[in-house]
Amino acid sequence: GQIGNVAYGVCYNTDEEDGFDYIAGVEVADAA
């Protein structure tokens, strides 16, 4: 389901201990 050839590094879910979640990936049409 990949859309295009752009890669993304996404920082989210920052917590109180100066941590965060990070996804290295691509845009997709759906996650199924």
PDB file of all heavy atoms in Angstrom:
ATOM      1  N   GLY A   1       0.788  -1.230   0.000  1.00  0.00           N
ATOM      2  CA  GLY A   1       0.000   0.000   0.000  1.00  0.00           C
ATOM      3  C   GLY A   1       0.816   1.275   0.000  1.00  0.00           C
ATOM      4  O   GLY A   1       0.264   2.366   0.182  1.00  0.00           O
ATOM      5  N   GLN A   2       2.136   1.171  -0.215  1.00  0.00           N
ATOM      6  CA  GLN A   2       2.998   2.361  -0.172  1.00  0.00           C
ATOM      7  C   GLN A   2       2.575   3.378  -1.220  1.00  0.00           C
ATOM      8  O   GLN A   2       2.280   3.027  -2.368  1.00  0.00           O
ATOM      9  CB  GLN A   2       4.460   1.978  -0.382  1.00  0.00           C
ATOM     10  CG  GLN A   2       5.412   3.168  -0.324  1.00  0.00           C
ATOM     11  CD  GLN A   2       6.872   2.767  -0.325  1.00  0.00           C
ATOM     12  OE1 GLN A   2       7.235   1.684   0.123  1.00  0.00           O
ATOM     13  NE2 GLN A   2       7.718   3.654  -0.818  1.00  0.00           N
ATOM     14  N   ILE A   3       2.577   4.659  -0.807  1.00  0.00           N
ATOM     15  CA  ILE A   3       2.263   5.774  -1.696  1.00  0.00           C
ATOM     16  C   ILE A   3       3.544   6.571  -1.894  1.00  0.00           C
ATOM     17  O   ILE A   3       4.090   7.122  -0.937  1.00  0.00           O
ATOM     18  CB  ILE A   3       1.171   6.680  -1.093  1.00  0.00           C
ATOM     19  CG1 ILE A   3      -0.131   5.883  -0.908  1.00  0.00           C
ATOM     20  CG2 ILE A   3       0.952   7.908  -1.955  1.00  0.00           C
ATOM     21  CD1 ILE A   3      -1.198   6.634  -0.138  1.00  0.00           C
ATOM     22  N   GLY A   4       4.037   6.659  -3.117  1.00  0.00           N
ATOM     23  CA  GLY A   4       5.214   7.462  -3.417  1.00  0.00           C
ATOM     24  C   GLY A   4       6.502   6.870  -2.884  1.00  0.00           C
ATOM     25  O   GLY A   4       6.540   5.736  -2.395  1.00  0.00           O
ATOM     26  N   ASN A   5       7.575   7.674  -2.987  1.00  0.00           N
ATOM     27  CA  ASN A   5       8.906   7.230  -2.575  1.00  0.00           C
ATOM     28  C   ASN A   5       9.512   8.102  -1.487  1.00  0.00           C
ATOM     29  O   ASN A   5      10.717   8.099  -1.293  1.00  0.00           O
ATOM     30  CB  ASN A   5       9.841   7.199  -3.785  1.00  0.00           C
ATOM     31  CG  ASN A   5       9.453   6.103  -4.750  1.00  0.00           C
ATOM     32  OD1 ASN A   5       9.176   4.983  -4.344  1.00  0.00           O
ATOM     33  ND2 ASN A   5       9.396   6.440  -6.021  1.00  0.00           N
ATOM     34  N   VAL A   6       8.692   8.865  -0.784  1.00  0.00           N
ATOM     35  CA  VAL A   6       9.176   9.725   0.292  1.00  0.00           C
ATOM     36  C   VAL A   6       9.190   8.916   1.590  1.00  0.00           C
ATOM     37  O   VAL A   6       8.233   8.195   1.892  1.00  0.00           O
ATOM     38  CB  VAL A   6       8.269  10.966   0.440  1.00  0.00           C
ATOM     39  CG1 VAL A   6       8.663  11.790   1.656  1.00  0.00           C
ATOM     40  CG2 VAL A   6       8.337  11.817  -0.826  1.00  0.00           C
ATOM     41  N   ALA A   7      10.285   9.018   2.345  1.00  0.00           N
ATOM     42  CA  ALA A   7      10.377   8.370   3.653  1.00  0.00           C
ATOM     43  C   ALA A   7      10.104   9.416   4.740  1.00  0.00           C
ATOM     44  O   ALA A   7      10.363  10.610   4.550  1.00  0.00           O
ATOM     45  CB  ALA A   7      11.752   7.741   3.854  1.00  0.00           C
ATOM     46  N   TYR A   8       9.595   8.941   5.863  1.00  0.00           N
ATOM     47  CA  TYR A   8       9.255   9.821   6.973  1.00  0.00           C
ATOM     48  C   TYR A   8       9.847   9.277   8.265  1.00  0.00           C
ATOM     49  O   TYR A   8       9.859   8.067   8.494  1.00  0.00           O
ATOM     50  CB  TYR A   8       7.733   9.909   7.151  1.00  0.00           C
ATOM     51  CG  TYR A   8       7.027  10.584   6.014  1.00  0.00           C
ATOM     52  CD1 TYR A   8       6.634   9.866   4.886  1.00  0.00           C
ATOM     53  CD2 TYR A   8       6.757  11.943   6.057  1.00  0.00           C
ATOM     54  CE1 TYR A   8       5.992  10.489   3.830  1.00  0.00           C
ATOM     55  CE2 TYR A   8       6.110  12.577   4.998  1.00  0.00           C
ATOM     56  CZ  TYR A   8       5.734  11.836   3.892  1.00  0.00           C
ATOM     57  OH  TYR A   8       5.101  12.457   2.845  1.00  0.00           O
ATOM     58  N   GLY A   9      10.302  10.188   9.112  1.00  0.00           N
ATOM     59  CA  GLY A   9      10.681   9.873  10.481  1.00  0.00           C
ATOM     60  C   GLY A   9       9.774  10.694  11.375  1.00  0.00           C
ATOM     61  O   GLY A   9       9.847  11.922  11.353  1.00  0.00           O
ATOM     62  N   VAL A  10       8.895  10.041  12.125  1.00  0.00           N
ATOM     63  CA  VAL A  10       7.858  10.744  12.878  1.00  0.00           C
ATOM     64  C   VAL A  10       8.091  10.608  14.380  1.00  0.00           C
ATOM     65  O   VAL A  10       8.191   9.496  14.899  1.00  0.00           O
ATOM     66  CB  VAL A  10       6.454  10.200  12.514  1.00  0.00           C
ATOM     67  CG1 VAL A  10       5.369  11.033  13.205  1.00  0.00           C
ATOM     68  CG2 VAL A  10       6.239  10.176  11.007  1.00  0.00           C
ATOM     69  N   CYS A  11       8.167  11.760  15.067  1.00  0.00           N
ATOM     70  CA  CYS A  11       8.321  11.826  16.521  1.00  0.00           C
ATOM     71  C   CYS A  11       6.950  12.124  17.134  1.00  0.00           C
ATOM     72  O   CYS A  11       6.326  13.122  16.773  1.00  0.00           O
ATOM     73  CB  CYS A  11       9.260  12.959  16.917  1.00  0.00           C
ATOM     74  SG  CYS A  11      10.877  12.920  16.169  1.00  0.00           S
ATOM     75  N   TYR A  12       6.501  11.274  18.061  1.00  0.00           N
ATOM     76  CA  TYR A  12       5.192  11.469  18.682  1.00  0.00           C
ATOM     77  C   TYR A  12       5.170  10.812  20.062  1.00  0.00           C
ATOM     78  O   TYR A  12       6.138  10.158  20.464  1.00  0.00           O
ATOM     79  CB  TYR A  12       4.076  10.927  17.777  1.00  0.00           C
ATOM     80  CG  TYR A  12       4.127   9.437  17.551  1.00  0.00           C
ATOM     81  CD1 TYR A  12       3.237   8.591  18.186  1.00  0.00           C
ATOM     82  CD2 TYR A  12       5.085   8.869  16.711  1.00  0.00           C
ATOM     83  CE1 TYR A  12       3.293   7.223  17.997  1.00  0.00           C
ATOM     84  CE2 TYR A  12       5.151   7.506  16.516  1.00  0.00           C
ATOM     85  CZ  TYR A  12       4.250   6.689  17.158  1.00  0.00           C
ATOM     86  OH  TYR A  12       4.318   5.333  16.972  1.00  0.00           O
ATOM     87  N   ASN A  13       4.072  11.002  20.774  1.00  0.00           N
ATOM     88  CA  ASN A  13       3.918  10.433  22.125  1.00  0.00           C
ATOM     89  C   ASN A  13       5.055  10.841  23.055  1.00  0.00           C
ATOM     90  O   ASN A  13       5.603  10.006  23.773  1.00  0.00           O
ATOM     91  CB  ASN A  13       3.820   8.903  22.099  1.00  0.00           C
ATOM     92  CG  ASN A  13       2.472   8.404  21.646  1.00  0.00           C
ATOM     93  OD1 ASN A  13       1.520   9.164  21.586  1.00  0.00           O
ATOM     94  ND2 ASN A  13       2.400   7.133  21.322  1.00  0.00           N
ATOM     95  N   THR A  14       5.386  12.108  23.081  1.00  0.00           N
ATOM     96  CA  THR A  14       6.413  12.589  24.014  1.00  0.00           C
ATOM     97  C   THR A  14       5.919  12.363  25.437  1.00  0.00           C
ATOM     98  O   THR A  14       4.759  12.614  25.742  1.00  0.00           O
ATOM     99  CB  THR A  14       6.686  14.085  23.770  1.00  0.00           C
ATOM    100  OG1 THR A  14       7.078  14.264  22.419  1.00  0.00           O
ATOM    101  CG2 THR A  14       7.779  14.605  24.680  1.00  0.00           C
ATOM    102  N   ASP A  15       6.812  11.864  26.294  1.00  0.00           N
ATOM    103  CA  ASP A  15       6.409  11.566  27.665  1.00  0.00           C
ATOM    104  C   ASP A  15       7.125  12.473  28.666  1.00  0.00           C
ATOM    105  O   ASP A  15       7.964  13.287  28.297  1.00  0.00           O
ATOM    106  CB  ASP A  15       6.619  10.085  27.994  1.00  0.00           C
ATOM    107  CG  ASP A  15       8.073   9.638  27.894  1.00  0.00           C
ATOM    108  OD1 ASP A  15       8.994  10.440  28.205  1.00  0.00           O
ATOM    109  OD2 ASP A  15       8.300   8.474  27.518  1.00  0.00           O
ATOM    110  N   GLU A  16       6.771  12.310  29.938  1.00  0.00           N
ATOM    111  CA  GLU A  16       7.318  13.149  31.021  1.00  0.00           C
ATOM    112  C   GLU A  16       8.796  12.882  31.290  1.00  0.00           C
ATOM    113  O   GLU A  16       9.462  13.673  31.934  1.00  0.00           O
ATOM    114  CB  GLU A  16       6.516  12.919  32.309  1.00  0.00           C
ATOM    115  CG  GLU A  16       5.057  13.307  32.197  1.00  0.00           C
ATOM    116  CD  GLU A  16       4.856  14.786  31.957  1.00  0.00           C
ATOM    117  OE1 GLU A  16       5.577  15.604  32.551  1.00  0.00           O
ATOM    118  OE2 GLU A  16       3.973  15.124  31.145  1.00  0.00           O
ATOM    119  N   GLU A  17       9.323  11.755  30.820  1.00  0.00           N
ATOM    120  CA  GLU A  17      10.724  11.407  31.051  1.00  0.00           C
ATOM    121  C   GLU A  17      11.611  11.782  29.863  1.00  0.00           C
ATOM    122  O   GLU A  17      12.675  11.205  29.670  1.00  0.00           O
ATOM    123  CB  GLU A  17      10.855   9.897  31.336  1.00  0.00           C
ATOM    124  CG  GLU A  17      10.332   9.478  32.697  1.00  0.00           C
ATOM    125  CD  GLU A  17       8.806   9.353  32.717  1.00  0.00           C
ATOM    126  OE1 GLU A  17       8.231   8.825  31.750  1.00  0.00           O
ATOM    127  OE2 GLU A  17       8.200   9.819  33.689  1.00  0.00           O
ATOM    128  N   ASP A  18      11.163  12.732  29.044  1.00  0.00           N
ATOM    129  CA  ASP A  18      11.907  13.174  27.862  1.00  0.00           C
ATOM    130  C   ASP A  18      12.112  12.054  26.849  1.00  0.00           C
ATOM    131  O   ASP A  18      13.140  11.974  26.191  1.00  0.00           O
ATOM    132  CB  ASP A  18      13.255  13.799  28.243  1.00  0.00           C
ATOM    133  CG  ASP A  18      13.081  15.174  28.847  1.00  0.00           C
ATOM    134  OD1 ASP A  18      12.094  15.854  28.497  1.00  0.00           O
ATOM    135  OD2 ASP A  18      13.926  15.574  29.656  1.00  0.00           O
ATOM    136  N   GLY A  19      11.127  11.206  26.732  1.00  0.00           N
ATOM    137  CA  GLY A  19      11.158  10.158  25.738  1.00  0.00           C
ATOM    138  C   GLY A  19      10.079  10.386  24.696  1.00  0.00           C
ATOM    139  O   GLY A  19       9.189  11.226  24.869  1.00  0.00           O
ATOM    140  N   PHE A  20      10.161   9.640  23.604  1.00  0.00           N
ATOM    141  CA  PHE A  20       9.169   9.755  22.539  1.00  0.00           C
ATOM    142  C   PHE A  20       9.196   8.491  21.689  1.00  0.00           C
ATOM    143  O   PHE A  20      10.175   7.756  21.664  1.00  0.00           O
ATOM    144  CB  PHE A  20       9.446  10.987  21.661  1.00  0.00           C
ATOM    145  CG  PHE A  20      10.771  10.949  20.950  1.00  0.00           C
ATOM    146  CD1 PHE A  20      10.872  10.517  19.630  1.00  0.00           C
ATOM    147  CD2 PHE A  20      11.940  11.342  21.597  1.00  0.00           C
ATOM    148  CE1 PHE A  20      12.104  10.468  18.979  1.00  0.00           C
ATOM    149  CE2 PHE A  20      13.164  11.303  20.951  1.00  0.00           C
ATOM    150  CZ  PHE A  20      13.247  10.866  19.642  1.00  0.00           C
ATOM    151  N   ASP A  21       8.103   8.253  21.000  1.00  0.00           N
ATOM    152  CA  ASP A  21       8.034   7.176  20.027  1.00  0.00           C
ATOM    153  C   ASP A  21       8.449   7.730  18.679  1.00  0.00           C
ATOM    154  O   ASP A  21       8.234   8.914  18.386  1.00  0.00           O
ATOM    155  CB  ASP A  21       6.616   6.597  19.948  1.00  0.00           C
ATOM    156  CG  ASP A  21       6.232   5.832  21.197  1.00  0.00           C
ATOM    157  OD1 ASP A  21       7.116   5.174  21.786  1.00  0.00           O
ATOM    158  OD2 ASP A  21       5.061   5.881  21.587  1.00  0.00           O
ATOM    159  N   TYR A  22       9.038   6.869  17.843  1.00  0.00           N
ATOM    160  CA  TYR A  22       9.541   7.292  16.535  1.00  0.00           C
ATOM    161  C   TYR A  22       9.261   6.183  15.535  1.00  0.00           C
ATOM    162  O   TYR A  22       9.572   5.016  15.787  1.00  0.00           O
ATOM    163  CB  TYR A  22      11.047   7.543  16.634  1.00  0.00           C
ATOM    164  CG  TYR A  22      11.695   8.081  15.381  1.00  0.00           C
ATOM    165  CD1 TYR A  22      11.754   9.452  15.146  1.00  0.00           C
ATOM    166  CD2 TYR A  22      12.278   7.231  14.441  1.00  0.00           C
ATOM    167  CE1 TYR A  22      12.376   9.962  14.010  1.00  0.00           C
ATOM    168  CE2 TYR A  22      12.903   7.728  13.304  1.00  0.00           C
ATOM    169  CZ  TYR A  22      12.939   9.100  13.092  1.00  0.00           C
ATOM    170  OH  TYR A  22      13.554   9.596  11.969  1.00  0.00           O
ATOM    171  N   ILE A  23       8.632   6.547  14.431  1.00  0.00           N
ATOM    172  CA  ILE A  23       8.414   5.612  13.324  1.00  0.00           C
ATOM    173  C   ILE A  23       9.276   6.045  12.153  1.00  0.00           C
ATOM    174  O   ILE A  23       9.248   7.223  11.754  1.00  0.00           O
ATOM    175  CB  ILE A  23       6.944   5.568  12.871  1.00  0.00           C
ATOM    176  CG1 ILE A  23       6.072   4.858  13.890  1.00  0.00           C
ATOM    177  CG2 ILE A  23       6.810   4.861  11.522  1.00  0.00           C
ATOM    178  CD1 ILE A  23       4.618   4.717  13.481  1.00  0.00           C
ATOM    179  N   ALA A  24      10.041   5.116  11.604  1.00  0.00           N
ATOM    180  CA  ALA A  24      10.784   5.320  10.361  1.00  0.00           C
ATOM    181  C   ALA A  24      10.024   4.541   9.297  1.00  0.00           C
ATOM    182  O   ALA A  24       9.910   3.317   9.387  1.00  0.00           O
ATOM    183  CB  ALA A  24      12.207   4.794  10.488  1.00  0.00           C
ATOM    184  N   GLY A  25       9.456   5.259   8.315  1.00  0.00           N
ATOM    185  CA  GLY A  25       8.648   4.546   7.341  1.00  0.00           C
ATOM    186  C   GLY A  25       8.226   5.388   6.165  1.00  0.00           C
ATOM    187  O   GLY A  25       8.906   6.346   5.790  1.00  0.00           O
ATOM    188  N   VAL A  26       7.073   5.016   5.600  1.00  0.00           N
ATOM    189  CA  VAL A  26       6.545   5.630   4.381  1.00  0.00           C
ATOM    190  C   VAL A  26       5.046   5.861   4.528  1.00  0.00           C
ATOM    191  O   VAL A  26       4.402   5.301   5.410  1.00  0.00           O
ATOM    192  CB  VAL A  26       6.800   4.742   3.145  1.00  0.00           C
ATOM    193  CG1 VAL A  26       8.285   4.646   2.836  1.00  0.00           C
ATOM    194  CG2 VAL A  26       6.187   3.363   3.321  1.00  0.00           C
ATOM    195  N   GLU A  27       4.491   6.659   3.621  1.00  0.00           N
ATOM    196  CA  GLU A  27       3.045   6.830   3.578  1.00  0.00           C
ATOM    197  C   GLU A  27       2.422   5.597   2.929  1.00  0.00           C
ATOM    198  O   GLU A  27       2.952   5.069   1.942  1.00  0.00           O
ATOM    199  CB  GLU A  27       2.674   8.078   2.778  1.00  0.00           C
ATOM    200  CG  GLU A  27       1.177   8.327   2.743  1.00  0.00           C
ATOM    201  CD  GLU A  27       0.765   9.543   1.930  1.00  0.00           C
ATOM    202  OE1 GLU A  27       1.629  10.171   1.278  1.00  0.00           O
ATOM    203  OE2 GLU A  27      -0.446   9.847   1.948  1.00  0.00           O
ATOM    204  N   VAL A  28       1.301   5.146   3.489  1.00  0.00           N
ATOM    205  CA  VAL A  28       0.581   4.009   2.931  1.00  0.00           C
ATOM    206  C   VAL A  28      -0.893   4.374   2.766  1.00  0.00           C
ATOM    207  O   VAL A  28      -1.409   5.280   3.429  1.00  0.00           O
ATOM    208  CB  VAL A  28       0.711   2.739   3.805  1.00  0.00           C
ATOM    209  CG1 VAL A  28       2.160   2.240   3.832  1.00  0.00           C
ATOM    210  CG2 VAL A  28       0.207   2.977   5.216  1.00  0.00           C
ATOM    211  N   ALA A  29      -1.569   3.635   1.871  1.00  0.00           N
ATOM    212  CA  ALA A  29      -2.991   3.857   1.633  1.00  0.00           C
ATOM    213  C   ALA A  29      -3.844   3.325   2.787  1.00  0.00           C
ATOM    214  O   ALA A  29      -4.850   3.925   3.150  1.00  0.00           O
ATOM    215  CB  ALA A  29      -3.417   3.208   0.319  1.00  0.00           C
ATOM    216  N   ASP A  30      -3.450   2.189   3.342  1.00  0.00           N
ATOM    217  CA  ASP A  30      -4.127   1.640   4.514  1.00  0.00           C
ATOM    218  C   ASP A  30      -3.170   0.696   5.230  1.00  0.00           C
ATOM    219  O   ASP A  30      -2.133   0.328   4.699  1.00  0.00           O
ATOM    220  CB  ASP A  30      -5.439   0.929   4.142  1.00  0.00           C
ATOM    221  CG  ASP A  30      -5.221  -0.297   3.286  1.00  0.00           C
ATOM    222  OD1 ASP A  30      -4.638  -1.287   3.792  1.00  0.00           O
ATOM    223  OD2 ASP A  30      -5.627  -0.284   2.109  1.00  0.00           O
ATOM    224  N   ALA A  31      -3.562   0.321   6.446  1.00  0.00           N
ATOM    225  CA  ALA A  31      -2.671  -0.479   7.283  1.00  0.00           C
ATOM    226  C   ALA A  31      -3.040  -1.963   7.302  1.00  0.00           C
ATOM    227  O   ALA A  31      -2.440  -2.738   8.033  1.00  0.00           O
ATOM    228  CB  ALA A  31      -2.671   0.083   8.706  1.00  0.00           C
ATOM    229  N   ALA A  32      -3.995  -2.365   6.482  1.00  0.00           N
ATOM    230  CA  ALA A  32      -4.530  -3.731   6.553  1.00  0.00           C
ATOM    231  C   ALA A  32      -3.500  -4.816   6.241  1.00  0.00           C
ATOM    232  O   ALA A  32      -3.498  -5.865   6.879  1.00  0.00           O
ATOM    233  CB  ALA A  32      -5.722  -3.861   5.614  1.00  0.00           C
TER     234      ALA A  32
END
